[in-house]
Amino acid sequence: MDVRNAVLSWQYAECLKTGIIQVSKMLISLPDYPKEERTGGRRMLIGIIEEVRADAERASAETGNADFSKVAHSLSEMISLTESSQFGLATERAGEGISAATTAAQNAWEVLHSHGIL
């Protein structure tokens, strides 16, 4: 991985981790919504997850890093589970996405550190 790709990977990974953590917090709170608000909340949350997934797909395309494809895949699974109101399982998939993004960040950090950038 060259320095440019490492910088991009680092930035994408950190942004994706933040996005996934935010989504997982929303997933945890959704079952506590009044029943009549859950449908709208679920639709809104799916839209947010789709945006984070688009970022993961963009990261994969721009960097060629397979870890970002894993992030996108876990986000796709989160969407499916959220659609079927399986919020606990969707939160577990969030953990898988964070793990893949963390791997990408660690690999990028090693390159940046070896060049004295971090």
Protein backbone atom coordinates (compact mmCIF):
# COMPACT_ATOMS: atom_id res chain seq x y z
CA MET A 1 0.00 0.00 0.00
CA ASP A 2 1.42 3.38 -0.96
CA VAL A 3 1.19 6.47 1.25
CA ARG A 4 -1.68 8.04 -0.71
CA ASN A 5 -3.74 4.86 -0.43
CA ALA A 6 -2.85 4.56 3.25
CA VAL A 7 -4.10 8.09 3.93
CA LEU A 8 -7.35 7.39 2.06
CA SER A 9 -7.79 4.06 3.82
CA TRP A 10 -7.16 5.62 7.22
CA GLN A 11 -9.67 8.40 6.61
CA TYR A 12 -12.35 6.10 5.23
CA ALA A 13 -11.87 3.55 8.01
CA GLU A 14 -12.18 6.12 10.78
CA CYS A 15 -15.29 7.68 9.20
CA LEU A 16 -16.87 4.27 8.67
CA LYS A 17 -16.22 3.21 12.25
CA THR A 18 -17.88 6.39 13.49
CA GLY A 19 -20.87 5.89 11.19
CA ILE A 20 -21.33 2.27 12.21
CA ILE A 21 -21.13 3.13 15.91
CA GLN A 22 -23.77 5.82 15.44
CA VAL A 23 -26.03 3.42 13.56
CA SER A 24 -25.61 0.72 16.20
CA LYS A 25 -26.67 3.17 18.92
CA MET A 26 -29.78 3.98 16.89
CA LEU A 27 -30.49 0.26 16.42
CA ILE A 28 -30.31 -0.28 20.16
CA SER A 29 -32.78 2.52 20.83
CA LEU A 30 -35.33 1.65 18.12
CA PRO A 31 -37.18 -1.07 20.10
CA ASP A 32 -37.86 1.51 22.82
CA TYR A 33 -39.76 3.78 20.41
CA PRO A 34 -43.55 3.81 20.71
CA LYS A 35 -44.98 1.13 18.42
CA GLU A 36 -46.56 3.66 16.05
CA GLU A 37 -43.17 5.37 15.54
CA ARG A 38 -41.06 2.27 14.89
CA THR A 39 -41.99 1.85 11.23
CA GLY A 40 -40.92 5.37 10.36
CA GLY A 41 -37.85 5.10 12.57
CA ARG A 42 -36.87 1.84 10.89
CA ARG A 43 -37.25 3.37 7.41
CA MET A 44 -35.15 6.36 8.39
CA LEU A 45 -32.48 4.15 9.95
CA ILE A 46 -32.30 1.97 6.85
CA GLY A 47 -31.69 5.11 4.80
CA ILE A 48 -28.83 6.08 7.09
CA ILE A 49 -27.30 2.59 6.92
CA GLU A 50 -27.56 2.73 3.11
CA GLU A 51 -25.54 5.98 3.13
CA VAL A 52 -22.84 4.44 5.31
CA ARG A 53 -22.79 1.40 3.01
CA ALA A 54 -22.34 3.70 -0.01
CA ASP A 55 -19.32 5.21 1.75
CA ALA A 56 -17.89 1.71 2.32
CA GLU A 57 -18.42 0.82 -1.34
CA ARG A 58 -16.73 4.06 -2.39
CA ALA A 59 -13.81 3.31 -0.06
CA SER A 60 -13.47 -0.15 -1.55
CA ALA A 61 -13.53 1.20 -5.11
CA GLU A 62 -11.06 4.02 -4.44
CA THR A 63 -8.55 2.03 -2.39
CA GLY A 64 -8.99 -1.52 -3.68
CA ASN A 65 -9.02 -2.64 -0.04
CA ALA A 66 -11.09 -5.80 0.45
CA ASP A 67 -11.74 -4.91 4.09
CA PHE A 68 -14.05 -2.13 2.91
CA SER A 69 -16.02 -4.70 0.88
CA LYS A 70 -16.44 -6.64 4.13
CA VAL A 71 -17.72 -3.48 5.79
CA ALA A 72 -20.22 -2.97 2.95
CA HIS A 73 -21.34 -6.59 3.23
CA SER A 74 -21.95 -6.32 6.97
CA LEU A 75 -23.93 -3.12 6.37
CA SER A 76 -26.06 -4.92 3.75
CA GLU A 77 -26.79 -7.60 6.33
CA MET A 78 -27.65 -4.89 8.86
CA ILE A 79 -30.17 -3.46 6.41
CA SER A 80 -31.84 -6.85 5.88
CA LEU A 81 -32.00 -7.52 9.61
CA THR A 82 -33.36 -4.05 10.33
CA GLU A 83 -36.04 -4.53 7.66
CA SER A 84 -37.18 -7.64 9.53
CA SER A 85 -36.97 -5.90 12.94
CA GLN A 86 -34.10 -8.11 14.14
CA PHE A 87 -32.32 -5.20 15.78
CA GLY A 88 -30.13 -7.30 18.10
CA LEU A 89 -28.72 -9.32 15.22
CA ALA A 90 -28.26 -6.14 13.19
CA THR A 91 -26.19 -4.73 16.05
CA GLU A 92 -24.01 -7.86 15.99
CA ARG A 93 -23.35 -7.26 12.28
CA ALA A 94 -22.32 -3.72 13.21
CA GLY A 95 -19.55 -5.29 15.28
CA GLU A 96 -18.36 -7.22 12.24
CA GLY A 97 -18.30 -4.02 10.20
CA ILE A 98 -16.34 -2.18 12.87
CA SER A 99 -13.86 -5.06 13.02
CA ALA A 100 -13.27 -4.94 9.25
CA ALA A 101 -12.90 -1.15 9.31
CA THR A 102 -10.47 -1.43 12.22
CA THR A 103 -8.37 -3.90 10.24
CA ALA A 104 -8.22 -1.44 7.34
CA ALA A 105 -7.25 1.38 9.71
CA GLN A 106 -4.54 -0.73 11.36
CA ASN A 107 -3.00 -1.68 8.03
CA ALA A 108 -3.04 1.94 6.90
CA TRP A 109 -1.57 3.09 10.22
CA GLU A 110 1.35 0.68 9.83
CA VAL A 111 2.20 2.17 6.42
CA LEU A 112 1.82 5.74 7.65
CA HIS A 113 3.88 5.01 10.75
CA SER A 114 6.66 3.40 8.70
CA HIS A 115 6.88 6.63 6.68
CA GLY A 116 6.98 8.76 9.83
CA ILE A 117 3.58 10.30 9.13
CA LEU A 118 1.91 9.00 12.31
